Amino acid sequence: MRLRDTSLSFVVNFLLGVAWAAVLLGAVTAFLSNYSNSFLFAILSSVIATLPGMIGVLLIEHFITSKEKHEELQKQTKLLEKLTQKEQNS
């Protein structure tokens, strides 16, 4: 995982897996329950059923990306503080 904190990484990975499972489960159940009506309707309902899971995946990925951005900004801040200290000393 991309996160450094192991407990947070475990929780985020678990939730990401749950979100992908919701996508898959929603797509399959919606398709199979509406297949007898019409193939086009089954595909459309399958796409609509995947939306809640995909929103969950999107939110978790956004959380991961913002956490990575925060960690990178912390690294840059430390480097800038070191640079300003060197400039003040010289």
Protein backbone atom coordinates (compact mmCIF):
# COMPACT_ATOMS: atom_id res chain seq x y z
CA MET A 1 0.00 0.00 0.00
CA ARG A 2 1.05 3.53 -0.52
CA LEU A 3 0.37 4.70 3.03
CA ARG A 4 3.11 4.51 5.64
CA ASP A 5 0.97 3.88 8.72
CA THR A 6 0.40 0.12 8.80
CA SER A 7 -2.85 0.12 10.77
CA LEU A 8 -4.33 2.88 8.61
CA SER A 9 -3.10 1.10 5.51
CA PHE A 10 -4.83 -2.11 6.60
CA VAL A 11 -8.13 -0.34 7.20
CA VAL A 12 -7.97 1.56 3.91
CA ASN A 13 -7.11 -1.60 1.97
CA PHE A 14 -9.99 -3.44 3.63
CA LEU A 15 -12.46 -0.67 2.81
CA LEU A 16 -11.18 -0.49 -0.75
CA GLY A 17 -11.74 -4.22 -1.11
CA VAL A 18 -15.24 -3.89 0.30
CA ALA A 19 -16.01 -1.10 -2.17
CA TRP A 20 -14.79 -3.18 -5.12
CA ALA A 21 -16.80 -6.14 -3.86
CA ALA A 22 -19.88 -3.91 -3.72
CA VAL A 23 -19.23 -2.89 -7.33
CA LEU A 24 -18.94 -6.48 -8.47
CA LEU A 25 -21.86 -7.74 -6.41
CA GLY A 26 -24.09 -4.89 -7.52
CA ALA A 27 -23.27 -5.42 -11.17
CA VAL A 28 -23.80 -9.17 -11.13
CA THR A 29 -27.01 -9.19 -9.11
CA ALA A 30 -28.58 -6.35 -11.09
CA PHE A 31 -27.66 -7.99 -14.38
CA LEU A 32 -28.93 -11.42 -13.42
CA SER A 33 -32.16 -10.14 -11.88
CA ASN A 34 -33.03 -8.07 -14.98
CA TYR A 35 -31.72 -10.37 -17.70
CA SER A 36 -35.13 -11.95 -18.22
CA ASN A 37 -36.70 -8.58 -19.09
CA SER A 38 -34.24 -7.29 -21.67
CA PHE A 39 -30.53 -7.51 -22.31
CA LEU A 40 -30.20 -3.75 -22.74
CA PHE A 41 -32.17 -3.10 -19.55
CA ALA A 42 -29.98 -5.62 -17.72
CA ILE A 43 -26.81 -3.84 -18.80
CA LEU A 44 -28.23 -0.43 -17.90
CA SER A 45 -29.37 -1.58 -14.47
CA SER A 46 -25.98 -3.22 -13.95
CA VAL A 47 -24.20 0.06 -14.67
CA ILE A 48 -26.51 1.95 -12.33
CA ALA A 49 -26.03 -0.66 -9.58
CA THR A 50 -22.27 -0.23 -9.71
CA LEU A 51 -22.45 3.51 -8.97
CA PRO A 52 -22.55 3.35 -5.13
CA GLY A 53 -19.53 1.06 -5.04
CA MET A 54 -17.65 3.17 -7.57
CA ILE A 55 -18.34 6.29 -5.50
CA GLY A 56 -16.90 4.45 -2.50
CA VAL A 57 -13.78 3.52 -4.49
CA LEU A 58 -13.45 7.10 -5.67
CA LEU A 59 -13.70 8.50 -2.15
CA ILE A 60 -11.15 6.05 -0.76
CA GLU A 61 -8.72 6.76 -3.60
CA HIS A 62 -9.19 10.48 -2.98
CA PHE A 63 -8.35 9.90 0.70
CA ILE A 64 -5.19 7.98 -0.23
CA THR A 65 -4.11 10.67 -2.69
CA SER A 66 -4.69 13.51 -0.24
CA LYS A 67 -2.78 11.63 2.48
CA GLU A 68 0.16 11.11 0.09
CA LYS A 69 0.05 14.80 -0.85
CA HIS A 70 0.11 15.77 2.82
CA GLU A 71 3.13 13.55 3.49
CA GLU A 72 4.95 14.99 0.47
CA LEU A 73 4.24 18.54 1.63
CA GLN A 74 5.66 17.67 5.04
CA LYS A 75 8.87 16.44 3.38
CA GLN A 76 9.11 19.63 1.34
CA THR A 77 8.56 21.76 4.43
CA LYS A 78 11.39 20.00 6.27
CA LEU A 79 13.71 20.51 3.29
CA LEU A 80 12.79 24.19 3.05
CA GLU A 81 13.39 24.67 6.77
CA LYS A 82 16.85 23.10 6.42
CA LEU A 83 17.60 25.34 3.46
CA THR A 84 16.55 28.51 5.28
CA GLN A 85 18.62 27.51 8.31
CA LYS A 86 21.69 27.07 6.09
CA GLU A 87 21.10 30.45 4.48
CA GLN A 88 20.72 32.14 7.86
CA ASN A 89 23.93 30.54 9.15
CA SER A 90 26.01 31.68 6.17
